[in-house]
Amino acid sequence: MIKLFFLVPILMCAIWYWYLKSNNYTIKEGLKGFGYIFAFNGTIIAFFVLMLFITN
């Protein structure tokens, strides 16, 4: 399942992009949201990588 984690940020970015377009916002206006998405997913991935190293 961990090998599919790269899909989570892609899916979240696609949903965010859809939200921006459906509410007539530009990508530039939603750039902060993309940053939050990548930071959130980076934190989760870092946590799981840390748990892999701790439990081995």
C-alpha atoms as a PDB file:
ATOM      1  CA  MET A   1       0.000   0.000   0.000  1.00  0.00           C
ATOM      2  CA  ILE A   2       2.865   2.391   0.690  1.00  0.00           C
ATOM      3  CA  LYS A   3       3.913   2.173  -2.946  1.00  0.00           C
ATOM      4  CA  LEU A   4       0.614   3.885  -3.869  1.00  0.00           C
ATOM      5  CA  PHE A   5       1.156   6.947  -1.644  1.00  0.00           C
ATOM      6  CA  PHE A   6       2.295   8.983  -4.638  1.00  0.00           C
ATOM      7  CA  LEU A   7      -1.345   8.940  -5.784  1.00  0.00           C
ATOM      8  CA  VAL A   8      -2.602  10.840  -2.724  1.00  0.00           C
ATOM      9  CA  PRO A   9      -1.011  14.231  -3.539  1.00  0.00           C
ATOM     10  CA  ILE A  10      -1.947  13.830  -7.207  1.00  0.00           C
ATOM     11  CA  LEU A  11      -5.558  13.166  -6.285  1.00  0.00           C
ATOM     12  CA  MET A  12      -5.662  16.030  -3.782  1.00  0.00           C
ATOM     13  CA  CYS A  13      -4.136  18.442  -6.307  1.00  0.00           C
ATOM     14  CA  ALA A  14      -6.647  17.345  -8.940  1.00  0.00           C
ATOM     15  CA  ILE A  15      -9.524  17.982  -6.531  1.00  0.00           C
ATOM     16  CA  TRP A  16      -8.067  21.367  -5.583  1.00  0.00           C
ATOM     17  CA  TYR A  17      -7.621  22.269  -9.272  1.00  0.00           C
ATOM     18  CA  TRP A  18     -11.224  21.256  -9.967  1.00  0.00           C
ATOM     19  CA  TYR A  19     -12.404  23.414  -7.031  1.00  0.00           C
ATOM     20  CA  LEU A  20     -10.434  26.411  -8.291  1.00  0.00           C
ATOM     21  CA  LYS A  21     -11.766  26.083 -11.823  1.00  0.00           C
ATOM     22  CA  SER A  22     -15.369  25.534 -10.737  1.00  0.00           C
ATOM     23  CA  ASN A  23     -15.280  28.715  -8.612  1.00  0.00           C
ATOM     24  CA  ASN A  24     -13.481  30.808 -11.254  1.00  0.00           C
ATOM     25  CA  TYR A  25     -10.201  31.188  -9.370  1.00  0.00           C
ATOM     26  CA  THR A  26      -6.838  31.217 -11.101  1.00  0.00           C
ATOM     27  CA  ILE A  27      -4.011  28.809 -10.391  1.00  0.00           C
ATOM     28  CA  LYS A  28      -2.000  31.728  -9.030  1.00  0.00           C
ATOM     29  CA  GLU A  29      -4.734  32.470  -6.481  1.00  0.00           C
ATOM     30  CA  GLY A  30      -4.769  28.826  -5.385  1.00  0.00           C
ATOM     31  CA  LEU A  31      -1.003  28.391  -5.206  1.00  0.00           C
ATOM     32  CA  LYS A  32      -1.003  28.552  -1.413  1.00  0.00           C
ATOM     33  CA  GLY A  33      -3.430  25.621  -1.327  1.00  0.00           C
ATOM     34  CA  PHE A  34      -1.091  23.523  -3.457  1.00  0.00           C
ATOM     35  CA  GLY A  35       1.693  24.336  -1.008  1.00  0.00           C
ATOM     36  CA  TYR A  36      -0.461  23.158   1.892  1.00  0.00           C
ATOM     37  CA  ILE A  37      -1.282  19.949   0.033  1.00  0.00           C
ATOM     38  CA  PHE A  38       2.394  19.162  -0.585  1.00  0.00           C
ATOM     39  CA  ALA A  39       3.374  20.046   2.983  1.00  0.00           C
ATOM     40  CA  PHE A  40       0.604  17.870   4.421  1.00  0.00           C
ATOM     41  CA  ASN A  41       1.487  14.909   2.224  1.00  0.00           C
ATOM     42  CA  GLY A  42       5.200  15.373   2.861  1.00  0.00           C
ATOM     43  CA  THR A  43       4.551  15.227   6.600  1.00  0.00           C
ATOM     44  CA  ILE A  44       2.501  12.049   6.285  1.00  0.00           C
ATOM     45  CA  ILE A  45       5.082  10.357   4.054  1.00  0.00           C
ATOM     46  CA  ALA A  46       7.892  11.381   6.410  1.00  0.00           C
ATOM     47  CA  PHE A  47       5.952   9.894   9.324  1.00  0.00           C
ATOM     48  CA  PHE A  48       5.501   6.568   7.551  1.00  0.00           C
ATOM     49  CA  VAL A  49       9.152   6.456   6.482  1.00  0.00           C
ATOM     50  CA  LEU A  50      10.175   7.121  10.076  1.00  0.00           C
ATOM     51  CA  MET A  51       7.887   4.322  11.277  1.00  0.00           C
ATOM     52  CA  LEU A  52       9.427   1.948   8.739  1.00  0.00           C
ATOM     53  CA  PHE A  53      12.913   2.690  10.070  1.00  0.00           C
ATOM     54  CA  ILE A  54      11.861   2.457  13.702  1.00  0.00           C
ATOM     55  CA  THR A  55      10.060  -0.871  13.321  1.00  0.00           C
ATOM     56  CA  ASN A  56      12.817  -2.589  11.311  1.00  0.00           C
END
